[in-house]
Amino acid sequence: MSIAPFRIAVVIPCYKVGERALEVIAGIGPECWRIYAVDDACPTKSGRLIAEHCTDPRVRVLYHPQNLGVGGAVMTGYRQALEDGAQIVVKLDGDGQLDPALLPLFCAPLIDGTADYAKGNRFYDPDGLHGMPAVRLLGNAALSFFSKLSTGYWDLFDPTNGYTAIRAEVLSKLPLDKISQRYFFESDMLFRLNTLRAVVVDIPMAARYGDEVSNLRIGAVIGEFLGKHLRNFAKRVVYNYFLRDMSLASLELLSGIGLLGFGTAFGVYRWHESAEAGLATPAGTVMLAALPVMLGLQFLLAFFGYDIATVPRRPRTARLREAEPPAPG
């Protein structure tokens, strides 16, 4: 499928990337319409380096007066791409870990109407993981599980992958000022996309690691990410299952939490009471505590089964086109 008629923009956040950003720009093919290099108050002046040494007429360098983080840099590029009339916006990192030659693969599902947002997945082919450091491998696996929980996209993996592409129609509906400005922004994007019921697909890709130094430390952020994932999960459940709509799954969730909480609290209280008295807990009391716990777990499993089954499958861009009035005769 040809992608030439589409105005495809590429956003590259630049912070301590130096000449590697020039190599990334040089690798972007002619299918790209415009390139935005966002200097996020880089102390090594990456933006100035690009402006002075890059002769590609598609490149525009945007500058931040103060550092906002990688997410803030991407949002700046997104806003400028929307203002300039881009139809698809791709995000690439400036450190060279992401292959610009894969850009058509990321744009294809957006162009053919099967997805609203595409992201990379470095875990799809196990043979391609040999170059990934072990700490990153384990950290990404843990973050992927929590991301499934908070975003509702149970069929996706590798949430911190920085290679993404999004349709402008969907991007324009996102609250860009509310999306996390630091490293959590990719996961936060997925959470926001789920509230729009946008279709997201994984694009298999190989991990590339050279001599670049990543600014992301998985061990340092995993606690922060966990808290934010739990927050987004609570917000998503309240919005999708109690404000936007109520269903049998809503009742299953409430029943599961209530029964599990009652059974656990009652069991702990009676166990402590029996221990203080030096007596064995009666079998009937044990069952009275265990039964609500088992029923609560069953209700919660039923809720998550429903949640997994309702991952968005119909692209938002297709729904928007159907809602448009027909062109005058």
C-alpha atoms as a PDB file:
ATOM      1  CA  MET A   1       0.000   0.000   0.000  1.00  0.00           C
ATOM      2  CA  SER A   2       1.409   3.422  -0.996  1.00  0.00           C
ATOM      3  CA  ILE A   3       1.777   5.961   1.785  1.00  0.00           C
ATOM      4  CA  ALA A   4       2.903   8.795  -0.480  1.00  0.00           C
ATOM      5  CA  PRO A   5      -0.404  10.774  -0.512  1.00  0.00           C
ATOM      6  CA  PHE A   6      -0.394  11.065   3.290  1.00  0.00           C
ATOM      7  CA  ARG A   7       1.282  13.910   5.146  1.00  0.00           C
ATOM      8  CA  ILE A   8       3.455  11.949   7.569  1.00  0.00           C
ATOM      9  CA  ALA A   9       5.330  13.891  10.208  1.00  0.00           C
ATOM     10  CA  VAL A  10       8.080  12.576  12.472  1.00  0.00           C
ATOM     11  CA  VAL A  11       8.708  13.932  15.969  1.00  0.00           C
ATOM     12  CA  ILE A  12      12.176  13.408  17.462  1.00  0.00           C
ATOM     13  CA  PRO A  13      12.738  14.478  21.094  1.00  0.00           C
ATOM     14  CA  CYS A  14      16.371  15.520  21.425  1.00  0.00           C
ATOM     15  CA  TYR A  15      18.223  15.474  24.727  1.00  0.00           C
ATOM     16  CA  LYS A  16      21.911  14.632  24.876  1.00  0.00           C
ATOM     17  CA  VAL A  17      21.742  12.785  21.555  1.00  0.00           C
ATOM     18  CA  GLY A  18      24.369  14.759  19.663  1.00  0.00           C
ATOM     19  CA  GLU A  19      25.258  13.548  16.185  1.00  0.00           C
ATOM     20  CA  ARG A  20      23.130  10.403  16.568  1.00  0.00           C
ATOM     21  CA  ALA A  21      20.070  12.568  15.856  1.00  0.00           C
ATOM     22  CA  LEU A  22      21.620  13.538  12.516  1.00  0.00           C
ATOM     23  CA  GLU A  23      22.014   9.856  11.668  1.00  0.00           C
ATOM     24  CA  VAL A  24      18.367   9.202  12.574  1.00  0.00           C
ATOM     25  CA  ILE A  25      17.189  12.081  10.371  1.00  0.00           C
ATOM     26  CA  ALA A  26      19.382  10.868   7.490  1.00  0.00           C
ATOM     27  CA  GLY A  27      17.709   7.446   7.719  1.00  0.00           C
ATOM     28  CA  ILE A  28      14.160   8.773   7.359  1.00  0.00           C
ATOM     29  CA  GLY A  29      12.862   7.991   3.874  1.00  0.00           C
ATOM     30  CA  PRO A  30      11.095  10.214   1.336  1.00  0.00           C
ATOM     31  CA  GLU A  31       7.670   9.043   2.550  1.00  0.00           C
ATOM     32  CA  CYS A  32       8.022  11.509   5.415  1.00  0.00           C
ATOM     33  CA  TRP A  33       6.562  14.979   4.839  1.00  0.00           C
ATOM     34  CA  ARG A  34       8.024  16.900   7.783  1.00  0.00           C
ATOM     35  CA  ILE A  35      10.442  16.261  10.653  1.00  0.00           C
ATOM     36  CA  TYR A  36      10.300  18.034  14.013  1.00  0.00           C
ATOM     37  CA  ALA A  37      13.432  17.852  16.170  1.00  0.00           C
ATOM     38  CA  VAL A  38      12.534  19.090  19.656  1.00  0.00           C
ATOM     39  CA  ASP A  39      15.481  20.386  21.689  1.00  0.00           C
ATOM     40  CA  ASP A  40      14.303  19.848  25.273  1.00  0.00           C
ATOM     41  CA  ALA A  41      16.673  22.456  26.759  1.00  0.00           C
ATOM     42  CA  CYS A  42      19.497  20.068  25.907  1.00  0.00           C
ATOM     43  CA  PRO A  43      22.750  20.981  27.713  1.00  0.00           C
ATOM     44  CA  THR A  44      24.790  19.724  24.734  1.00  0.00           C
ATOM     45  CA  LYS A  45      22.786  21.923  22.295  1.00  0.00           C
ATOM     46  CA  SER A  46      21.430  19.069  20.156  1.00  0.00           C
ATOM     47  CA  GLY A  47      18.979  21.431  18.438  1.00  0.00           C
ATOM     48  CA  ARG A  48      21.686  23.875  17.411  1.00  0.00           C
ATOM     49  CA  LEU A  49      23.808  20.983  16.111  1.00  0.00           C
ATOM     50  CA  ILE A  50      20.918  19.816  13.929  1.00  0.00           C
ATOM     51  CA  ALA A  51      20.130  23.334  12.701  1.00  0.00           C
ATOM     52  CA  GLU A  52      23.769  23.943  11.732  1.00  0.00           C
ATOM     53  CA  HIS A  53      24.598  20.596  10.130  1.00  0.00           C
ATOM     54  CA  CYS A  54      21.331  19.226   8.738  1.00  0.00           C
ATOM     55  CA  THR A  55      20.427  20.368   5.227  1.00  0.00           C
ATOM     56  CA  ASP A  56      17.190  18.352   4.953  1.00  0.00           C
ATOM     57  CA  PRO A  57      14.458  20.901   4.050  1.00  0.00           C
ATOM     58  CA  ARG A  58      11.838  18.817   5.896  1.00  0.00           C
ATOM     59  CA  VAL A  59      13.466  19.466   9.281  1.00  0.00           C
ATOM     60  CA  ARG A  60      12.204  22.063  11.752  1.00  0.00           C
ATOM     61  CA  VAL A  61      13.971  22.494  15.079  1.00  0.00           C
ATOM     62  CA  LEU A  62      11.757  23.409  18.047  1.00  0.00           C
ATOM     63  CA  TYR A  63      13.315  24.669  21.271  1.00  0.00           C
ATOM     64  CA  HIS A  64      12.216  24.430  24.908  1.00  0.00           C
ATOM     65  CA  PRO A  65      13.419  27.214  27.217  1.00  0.00           C
ATOM     66  CA  GLN A  66      13.450  24.678  30.064  1.00  0.00           C
ATOM     67  CA  ASN A  67      13.547  20.904  30.248  1.00  0.00           C
ATOM     68  CA  LEU A  68      10.082  19.323  30.250  1.00  0.00           C
ATOM     69  CA  GLY A  69      11.041  15.681  29.847  1.00  0.00           C
ATOM     70  CA  VAL A  70      10.698  13.365  26.871  1.00  0.00           C
ATOM     71  CA  GLY A  71       6.901  13.394  27.082  1.00  0.00           C
ATOM     72  CA  GLY A  72       6.799  17.188  27.116  1.00  0.00           C
ATOM     73  CA  ALA A  73       9.075  17.293  24.060  1.00  0.00           C
ATOM     74  CA  VAL A  74       6.852  14.847  22.187  1.00  0.00           C
ATOM     75  CA  MET A  75       3.714  16.858  23.037  1.00  0.00           C
ATOM     76  CA  THR A  76       5.368  19.984  21.613  1.00  0.00           C
ATOM     77  CA  GLY A  77       6.090  18.119  18.397  1.00  0.00           C
ATOM     78  CA  TYR A  78       2.548  16.729  18.311  1.00  0.00           C
ATOM     79  CA  ARG A  79       0.995  20.178  18.665  1.00  0.00           C
ATOM     80  CA  GLN A  80       3.150  21.609  15.897  1.00  0.00           C
ATOM     81  CA  ALA A  81       2.408  18.671  13.581  1.00  0.00           C
ATOM     82  CA  LEU A  82      -1.339  19.098  14.116  1.00  0.00           C
ATOM     83  CA  GLU A  83      -1.086  22.842  13.528  1.00  0.00           C
ATOM     84  CA  ASP A  84       0.797  22.268  10.277  1.00  0.00           C
ATOM     85  CA  GLY A  85      -1.791  19.759   8.999  1.00  0.00           C
ATOM     86  CA  ALA A  86      -0.070  16.387   9.396  1.00  0.00           C
ATOM     87  CA  GLN A  87      -2.296  13.334   8.895  1.00  0.00           C
ATOM     88  CA  ILE A  88      -0.070  10.777  10.640  1.00  0.00           C
ATOM     89  CA  VAL A  89       2.511  11.570  13.305  1.00  0.00           C
ATOM     90  CA  VAL A  90       5.358   9.162  14.043  1.00  0.00           C
ATOM     91  CA  LYS A  91       7.542   9.438  17.139  1.00  0.00           C
ATOM     92  CA  LEU A  92      11.184   8.355  16.947  1.00  0.00           C
ATOM     93  CA  ASP A  93      13.953   8.603  19.530  1.00  0.00           C
ATOM     94  CA  GLY A  94      17.054  10.564  18.657  1.00  0.00           C
ATOM     95  CA  ASP A  95      19.535   8.064  20.110  1.00  0.00           C
ATOM     96  CA  GLY A  96      19.487   5.685  17.156  1.00  0.00           C
ATOM     97  CA  GLN A  97      17.884   2.712  18.922  1.00  0.00           C
ATOM     98  CA  LEU A  98      14.848   2.864  16.605  1.00  0.00           C
ATOM     99  CA  ASP A  99      15.296   2.080  12.909  1.00  0.00           C
ATOM    100  CA  PRO A 100      13.757   4.829  10.702  1.00  0.00           C
ATOM    101  CA  ALA A 101      13.445   2.306   7.869  1.00  0.00           C
ATOM    102  CA  LEU A 102      10.532   0.679   9.760  1.00  0.00           C
ATOM    103  CA  LEU A 103       8.399   3.809   9.433  1.00  0.00           C
ATOM    104  CA  PRO A 104       6.203   2.433   6.598  1.00  0.00           C
ATOM    105  CA  LEU A 105       5.374  -0.630   8.726  1.00  0.00           C
ATOM    106  CA  PHE A 106       4.077   1.590  11.523  1.00  0.00           C
ATOM    107  CA  CYS A 107       2.042   3.759   9.168  1.00  0.00           C
ATOM    108  CA  ALA A 108       0.484   0.884   7.181  1.00  0.00           C
ATOM    109  CA  PRO A 109      -2.269  -0.139   9.691  1.00  0.00           C
ATOM    110  CA  LEU A 110      -3.200   3.524  10.149  1.00  0.00           C
ATOM    111  CA  ILE A 111      -3.459   4.114   6.434  1.00  0.00           C
ATOM    112  CA  ASP A 112      -5.494   0.988   5.658  1.00  0.00           C
ATOM    113  CA  GLY A 113      -7.917   1.828   8.493  1.00  0.00           C
ATOM    114  CA  THR A 114      -7.270  -1.169  10.754  1.00  0.00           C
ATOM    115  CA  ALA A 115      -5.807   0.862  13.643  1.00  0.00           C
ATOM    116  CA  ASP A 116      -5.684   4.340  15.143  1.00  0.00           C
ATOM    117  CA  TYR A 117      -2.314   3.978  16.875  1.00  0.00           C
ATOM    118  CA  ALA A 118       0.665   1.696  16.305  1.00  0.00           C
ATOM    119  CA  LYS A 119       3.543   0.999  18.679  1.00  0.00           C
ATOM    120  CA  GLY A 120       6.648  -1.136  18.585  1.00  0.00           C
ATOM    121  CA  ASN A 121       7.075  -4.456  20.367  1.00  0.00           C
ATOM    122  CA  ARG A 122      10.646  -5.666  20.885  1.00  0.00           C
ATOM    123  CA  PHE A 123       9.467  -8.844  22.639  1.00  0.00           C
ATOM    124  CA  TYR A 124       7.600 -10.403  19.708  1.00  0.00           C
ATOM    125  CA  ASP A 125      10.592 -12.393  18.449  1.00  0.00           C
ATOM    126  CA  PRO A 126      12.549 -13.995  21.331  1.00  0.00           C
ATOM    127  CA  ASP A 127      15.609 -14.353  19.092  1.00  0.00           C
ATOM    128  CA  GLY A 128      15.812 -10.559  18.828  1.00  0.00           C
ATOM    129  CA  LEU A 129      16.201 -10.036  22.579  1.00  0.00           C
ATOM    130  CA  HIS A 130      19.789 -11.210  22.924  1.00  0.00           C
ATOM    131  CA  GLY A 131      21.111  -7.645  22.819  1.00  0.00           C
ATOM    132  CA  MET A 132      18.726  -6.327  25.487  1.00  0.00           C
ATOM    133  CA  PRO A 133      20.252  -5.957  28.983  1.00  0.00           C
ATOM    134  CA  ALA A 134      18.722  -8.379  31.514  1.00  0.00           C
ATOM    135  CA  VAL A 135      17.548  -5.603  33.831  1.00  0.00           C
ATOM    136  CA  ARG A 136      15.673  -3.977  30.952  1.00  0.00           C
ATOM    137  CA  LEU A 137      14.177  -7.313  29.951  1.00  0.00           C
ATOM    138  CA  LEU A 138      12.777  -8.004  33.421  1.00  0.00           C
ATOM    139  CA  GLY A 139      11.768  -4.400  34.038  1.00  0.00           C
ATOM    140  CA  ASN A 140       9.877  -4.150  30.764  1.00  0.00           C
ATOM    141  CA  ALA A 141       8.110  -7.449  31.425  1.00  0.00           C
ATOM    142  CA  ALA A 142       6.874  -6.152  34.796  1.00  0.00           C
ATOM    143  CA  LEU A 143       5.859  -2.790  33.378  1.00  0.00           C
ATOM    144  CA  SER A 144       4.034  -4.521  30.522  1.00  0.00           C
ATOM    145  CA  PHE A 145       1.810  -6.417  32.944  1.00  0.00           C
ATOM    146  CA  PHE A 146       0.918  -3.288  34.917  1.00  0.00           C
ATOM    147  CA  SER A 147       0.313  -1.431  31.665  1.00  0.00           C
ATOM    148  CA  LYS A 148      -2.216  -4.047  30.561  1.00  0.00           C
ATOM    149  CA  LEU A 149      -4.048  -3.507  33.831  1.00  0.00           C
ATOM    150  CA  SER A 150      -4.087   0.286  33.713  1.00  0.00           C
ATOM    151  CA  THR A 151      -4.677   0.851  29.991  1.00  0.00           C
ATOM    152  CA  GLY A 152      -7.121  -1.960  29.198  1.00  0.00           C
ATOM    153  CA  TYR A 153      -5.047  -3.059  26.180  1.00  0.00           C
ATOM    154  CA  TRP A 154      -4.471  -6.630  27.336  1.00  0.00           C
ATOM    155  CA  ASP A 155      -3.142  -7.726  23.935  1.00  0.00           C
ATOM    156  CA  LEU A 156      -0.195  -5.296  23.902  1.00  0.00           C
ATOM    157  CA  PHE A 157       3.320  -5.635  25.239  1.00  0.00           C
ATOM    158  CA  ASP A 158       6.422  -3.457  25.668  1.00  0.00           C
ATOM    159  CA  PRO A 159       4.596  -0.263  26.798  1.00  0.00           C
ATOM    160  CA  THR A 160       7.784   1.818  27.099  1.00  0.00           C
ATOM    161  CA  ASN A 161       8.646   1.319  23.421  1.00  0.00           C
ATOM    162  CA  GLY A 162       9.291   4.740  21.928  1.00  0.00           C
ATOM    163  CA  TYR A 163       8.442   3.885  18.317  1.00  0.00           C
ATOM    164  CA  THR A 164       4.825   4.988  17.763  1.00  0.00           C
ATOM    165  CA  ALA A 165       2.508   6.311  15.058  1.00  0.00           C
ATOM    166  CA  ILE A 166      -0.894   7.929  15.470  1.00  0.00           C
ATOM    167  CA  ARG A 167      -3.655   9.253  13.222  1.00  0.00           C
ATOM    168  CA  ALA A 168      -4.154  13.007  13.472  1.00  0.00           C
ATOM    169  CA  GLU A 169      -7.919  12.588  13.951  1.00  0.00           C
ATOM    170  CA  VAL A 170      -7.262  10.641  17.128  1.00  0.00           C
ATOM    171  CA  LEU A 171      -4.324  12.763  18.291  1.00  0.00           C
ATOM    172  CA  SER A 172      -6.471  15.898  18.118  1.00  0.00           C
ATOM    173  CA  LYS A 173      -8.923  14.350  20.599  1.00  0.00           C
ATOM    174  CA  LEU A 174      -6.290  13.617  23.249  1.00  0.00           C
ATOM    175  CA  PRO A 175      -5.782  16.042  26.174  1.00  0.00           C
ATOM    176  CA  LEU A 176      -2.112  16.686  25.420  1.00  0.00           C
ATOM    177  CA  ASP A 177      -1.751  19.019  28.393  1.00  0.00           C
ATOM    178  CA  LYS A 178      -2.762  16.210  30.778  1.00  0.00           C
ATOM    179  CA  ILE A 179      -0.452  13.494  29.465  1.00  0.00           C
ATOM    180  CA  SER A 180       2.591  12.748  31.622  1.00  0.00           C
ATOM    181  CA  GLN A 181       5.623  14.774  30.534  1.00  0.00           C
ATOM    182  CA  ARG A 182       8.274  12.347  31.692  1.00  0.00           C
ATOM    183  CA  TYR A 183       9.032   8.716  30.822  1.00  0.00           C
ATOM    184  CA  PHE A 184       5.543   7.526  31.780  1.00  0.00           C
ATOM    185  CA  PHE A 185       4.025   9.320  28.802  1.00  0.00           C
ATOM    186  CA  GLU A 186       3.890   6.245  26.503  1.00  0.00           C
ATOM    187  CA  SER A 187       1.800   4.327  29.051  1.00  0.00           C
ATOM    188  CA  ASP A 188      -0.268   7.423  29.802  1.00  0.00           C
ATOM    189  CA  MET A 189      -0.939   7.771  26.068  1.00  0.00           C
ATOM    190  CA  LEU A 190      -2.343   4.235  26.001  1.00  0.00           C
ATOM    191  CA  PHE A 191      -4.583   4.996  28.980  1.00  0.00           C
ATOM    192  CA  ARG A 192      -5.937   8.113  27.235  1.00  0.00           C
ATOM    193  CA  LEU A 193      -6.397   6.212  23.973  1.00  0.00           C
ATOM    194  CA  ASN A 194      -8.508   3.596  25.765  1.00  0.00           C
ATOM    195  CA  THR A 195     -10.864   6.298  27.026  1.00  0.00           C
ATOM    196  CA  LEU A 196     -11.418   7.155  23.340  1.00  0.00           C
ATOM    197  CA  ARG A 197     -11.889   3.448  22.501  1.00  0.00           C
ATOM    198  CA  ALA A 198      -9.086   3.746  19.942  1.00  0.00           C
ATOM    199  CA  VAL A 199      -7.648   0.621  18.331  1.00  0.00           C
ATOM    200  CA  VAL A 200      -3.959   0.056  19.082  1.00  0.00           C
ATOM    201  CA  VAL A 201      -1.716  -2.541  17.434  1.00  0.00           C
ATOM    202  CA  ASP A 202       1.778  -3.838  18.176  1.00  0.00           C
ATOM    203  CA  ILE A 203       4.376  -3.763  15.398  1.00  0.00           C
ATOM    204  CA  PRO A 204       7.100  -6.424  15.851  1.00  0.00           C
ATOM    205  CA  MET A 205      10.582  -4.947  15.738  1.00  0.00           C
ATOM    206  CA  ALA A 206      14.104  -5.873  16.808  1.00  0.00           C
ATOM    207  CA  ALA A 207      15.854  -4.233  19.728  1.00  0.00           C
ATOM    208  CA  ARG A 208      18.965  -2.262  18.751  1.00  0.00           C
ATOM    209  CA  TYR A 209      21.545  -1.359  21.394  1.00  0.00           C
ATOM    210  CA  GLY A 210      24.837   0.329  20.622  1.00  0.00           C
ATOM    211  CA  ASP A 211      27.087   2.583  22.671  1.00  0.00           C
ATOM    212  CA  GLU A 212      24.325   5.094  23.454  1.00  0.00           C
ATOM    213  CA  VAL A 213      23.490   5.809  27.088  1.00  0.00           C
ATOM    214  CA  SER A 214      19.794   5.668  27.937  1.00  0.00           C
ATOM    215  CA  ASN A 215      18.426   8.301  30.316  1.00  0.00           C
ATOM    216  CA  LEU A 216      15.754   5.841  31.505  1.00  0.00           C
ATOM    217  CA  ARG A 217      16.632   3.698  34.520  1.00  0.00           C
ATOM    218  CA  ILE A 218      14.053   0.934  34.887  1.00  0.00           C
ATOM    219  CA  GLY A 219      14.958   0.221  38.513  1.00  0.00           C
ATOM    220  CA  ALA A 220      14.596   3.874  39.452  1.00  0.00           C
ATOM    221  CA  VAL A 221      11.178   4.393  37.868  1.00  0.00           C
ATOM    222  CA  ILE A 222       9.407   1.084  38.425  1.00  0.00           C
ATOM    223  CA  GLY A 223       8.007   2.193  41.811  1.00  0.00           C
ATOM    224  CA  GLU A 224       6.799   5.496  40.361  1.00  0.00           C
ATOM    225  CA  PHE A 225       5.315   3.716  37.350  1.00  0.00           C
ATOM    226  CA  LEU A 226       3.502   1.218  39.578  1.00  0.00           C
ATOM    227  CA  GLY A 227       1.766   4.011  41.481  1.00  0.00           C
ATOM    228  CA  LYS A 228       0.739   5.772  38.281  1.00  0.00           C
ATOM    229  CA  HIS A 229      -0.519   2.522  36.732  1.00  0.00           C
ATOM    230  CA  LEU A 230      -2.715   1.849  39.763  1.00  0.00           C
ATOM    231  CA  ARG A 231      -4.047   5.408  39.580  1.00  0.00           C
ATOM    232  CA  ASN A 232      -4.863   5.069  35.878  1.00  0.00           C
ATOM    233  CA  PHE A 233      -6.486   1.670  36.449  1.00  0.00           C
ATOM    234  CA  ALA A 234      -8.806   3.179  39.068  1.00  0.00           C
ATOM    235  CA  LYS A 235      -9.645   6.107  36.771  1.00  0.00           C
ATOM    236  CA  ARG A 236     -10.286   3.807  33.805  1.00  0.00           C
ATOM    237  CA  VAL A 237     -12.572   1.504  35.800  1.00  0.00           C
ATOM    238  CA  VAL A 238     -14.603   4.385  37.230  1.00  0.00           C
ATOM    239  CA  TYR A 239     -14.947   6.021  33.828  1.00  0.00           C
ATOM    240  CA  ASN A 240     -15.636   2.936  31.712  1.00  0.00           C
ATOM    241  CA  TYR A 241     -17.731   0.907  34.170  1.00  0.00           C
ATOM    242  CA  PHE A 242     -19.594   3.484  36.244  1.00  0.00           C
ATOM    243  CA  LEU A 243     -19.678   6.877  34.500  1.00  0.00           C
ATOM    244  CA  ARG A 244     -19.791   6.077  30.786  1.00  0.00           C
ATOM    245  CA  ASP A 245     -21.696   2.813  31.183  1.00  0.00           C
ATOM    246  CA  MET A 246     -22.783   0.198  33.692  1.00  0.00           C
ATOM    247  CA  SER A 247     -22.951  -3.494  32.932  1.00  0.00           C
ATOM    248  CA  LEU A 248     -22.871  -6.899  34.568  1.00  0.00           C
ATOM    249  CA  ALA A 249     -19.098  -6.454  34.858  1.00  0.00           C
ATOM    250  CA  SER A 250     -19.666  -3.392  37.064  1.00  0.00           C
ATOM    251  CA  LEU A 251     -21.719  -5.500  39.491  1.00  0.00           C
ATOM    252  CA  GLU A 252     -19.139  -8.298  39.366  1.00  0.00           C
ATOM    253  CA  LEU A 253     -16.408  -5.848  40.321  1.00  0.00           C
ATOM    254  CA  LEU A 254     -18.358  -4.394  43.243  1.00  0.00           C
ATOM    255  CA  SER A 255     -19.421  -7.830  44.458  1.00  0.00           C
ATOM    256  CA  GLY A 256     -15.892  -9.201  44.139  1.00  0.00           C
ATOM    257  CA  ILE A 257     -14.312  -6.350  46.088  1.00  0.00           C
ATOM    258  CA  GLY A 258     -17.023  -6.479  48.771  1.00  0.00           C
ATOM    259  CA  LEU A 259     -16.902 -10.226  49.305  1.00  0.00           C
ATOM    260  CA  LEU A 260     -13.121 -10.430  49.176  1.00  0.00           C
ATOM    261  CA  GLY A 261     -12.774  -7.544  51.616  1.00  0.00           C
ATOM    262  CA  PHE A 262     -15.364  -8.945  54.027  1.00  0.00           C
ATOM    263  CA  GLY A 263     -13.950 -12.477  53.958  1.00  0.00           C
ATOM    264  CA  THR A 264     -10.389 -11.283  54.482  1.00  0.00           C
ATOM    265  CA  ALA A 265     -11.253  -8.856  57.291  1.00  0.00           C
ATOM    266  CA  PHE A 266     -13.545 -11.355  59.048  1.00  0.00           C
ATOM    267  CA  GLY A 267     -10.984 -14.163  58.764  1.00  0.00           C
ATOM    268  CA  VAL A 268      -8.126 -12.050  60.114  1.00  0.00           C
ATOM    269  CA  TYR A 269     -10.266 -10.770  63.002  1.00  0.00           C
ATOM    270  CA  ARG A 270     -11.475 -14.237  64.048  1.00  0.00           C
ATOM    271  CA  TRP A 271      -7.998 -15.754  63.658  1.00  0.00           C
ATOM    272  CA  HIS A 272      -6.543 -13.018  65.883  1.00  0.00           C
ATOM    273  CA  GLU A 273      -9.374 -13.513  68.407  1.00  0.00           C
ATOM    274  CA  SER A 274      -8.756 -17.264  68.568  1.00  0.00           C
ATOM    275  CA  ALA A 275      -4.984 -16.789  68.840  1.00  0.00           C
ATOM    276  CA  GLU A 276      -5.427 -14.398  71.750  1.00  0.00           C
ATOM    277  CA  ALA A 277      -7.654 -16.927  73.539  1.00  0.00           C
ATOM    278  CA  GLY A 278      -5.294 -19.812  72.763  1.00  0.00           C
ATOM    279  CA  LEU A 279      -8.076 -21.734  71.009  1.00  0.00           C
ATOM    280  CA  ALA A 280      -8.313 -23.358  67.600  1.00  0.00           C
ATOM    281  CA  THR A 281     -10.541 -21.503  65.137  1.00  0.00           C
ATOM    282  CA  PRO A 282     -13.767 -23.489  64.564  1.00  0.00           C
ATOM    283  CA  ALA A 283     -14.171 -25.075  61.138  1.00  0.00           C
ATOM    284  CA  GLY A 284     -17.446 -23.220  60.621  1.00  0.00           C
ATOM    285  CA  THR A 285     -15.739 -19.892  61.224  1.00  0.00           C
ATOM    286  CA  VAL A 286     -12.994 -20.792  58.759  1.00  0.00           C
ATOM    287  CA  MET A 287     -15.569 -21.623  56.091  1.00  0.00           C
ATOM    288  CA  LEU A 288     -17.503 -18.426  56.833  1.00  0.00           C
ATOM    289  CA  ALA A 289     -14.343 -16.492  56.035  1.00  0.00           C
ATOM    290  CA  ALA A 290     -13.139 -18.655  53.141  1.00  0.00           C
ATOM    291  CA  LEU A 291     -16.419 -18.771  51.199  1.00  0.00           C
ATOM    292  CA  PRO A 292     -16.702 -14.978  50.635  1.00  0.00           C
ATOM    293  CA  VAL A 293     -13.021 -14.887  49.660  1.00  0.00           C
ATOM    294  CA  MET A 294     -13.480 -17.630  47.047  1.00  0.00           C
ATOM    295  CA  LEU A 295     -16.677 -16.065  45.703  1.00  0.00           C
ATOM    296  CA  GLY A 296     -15.021 -12.651  45.615  1.00  0.00           C
ATOM    297  CA  LEU A 297     -12.101 -14.019  43.612  1.00  0.00           C
ATOM    298  CA  GLN A 298     -14.521 -15.649  41.160  1.00  0.00           C
ATOM    299  CA  PHE A 299     -16.367 -12.364  40.656  1.00  0.00           C
ATOM    300  CA  LEU A 300     -13.109 -10.514  40.114  1.00  0.00           C
ATOM    301  CA  LEU A 301     -11.925 -13.111  37.599  1.00  0.00           C
ATOM    302  CA  ALA A 302     -15.233 -12.733  35.769  1.00  0.00           C
ATOM    303  CA  PHE A 303     -14.757  -8.953  35.700  1.00  0.00           C
ATOM    304  CA  PHE A 304     -11.249  -9.225  34.277  1.00  0.00           C
ATOM    305  CA  GLY A 305     -12.470 -11.765  31.731  1.00  0.00           C
ATOM    306  CA  TYR A 306     -15.020  -9.214  30.536  1.00  0.00           C
ATOM    307  CA  ASP A 307     -12.409  -6.434  30.546  1.00  0.00           C
ATOM    308  CA  ILE A 308     -10.036  -8.498  28.417  1.00  0.00           C
ATOM    309  CA  ALA A 309     -12.803  -9.384  25.972  1.00  0.00           C
ATOM    310  CA  THR A 310     -13.732  -5.726  25.432  1.00  0.00           C
ATOM    311  CA  VAL A 311     -10.377  -4.483  24.143  1.00  0.00           C
ATOM    312  CA  PRO A 312     -11.242  -1.946  21.379  1.00  0.00           C
ATOM    313  CA  ARG A 313     -11.414  -3.621  17.971  1.00  0.00           C
ATOM    314  CA  ARG A 314     -13.174  -1.060  15.752  1.00  0.00           C
ATOM    315  CA  PRO A 315     -10.918   1.866  14.785  1.00  0.00           C
ATOM    316  CA  ARG A 316     -12.085   5.275  15.909  1.00  0.00           C
ATOM    317  CA  THR A 317     -11.094   6.789  12.556  1.00  0.00           C
ATOM    318  CA  ALA A 318     -13.583   4.472  10.837  1.00  0.00           C
ATOM    319  CA  ARG A 319     -16.329   5.538  13.243  1.00  0.00           C
ATOM    320  CA  LEU A 320     -15.519   9.192  12.647  1.00  0.00           C
ATOM    321  CA  ARG A 321     -15.760   8.743   8.890  1.00  0.00           C
ATOM    322  CA  GLU A 322     -19.150   7.061   9.198  1.00  0.00           C
ATOM    323  CA  ALA A 323     -20.385   9.942  11.312  1.00  0.00           C
ATOM    324  CA  GLU A 324     -19.387  12.556   8.726  1.00  0.00           C
ATOM    325  CA  PRO A 325     -22.273  13.926   6.615  1.00  0.00           C
ATOM    326  CA  PRO A 326     -22.176  12.949   2.926  1.00  0.00           C
ATOM    327  CA  ALA A 327     -20.582  15.406   0.559  1.00  0.00           C
ATOM    328  CA  PRO A 328     -23.073  17.648  -1.304  1.00  0.00           C
ATOM    329  CA  GLY A 329     -24.216  16.276  -4.645  1.00  0.00           C
END
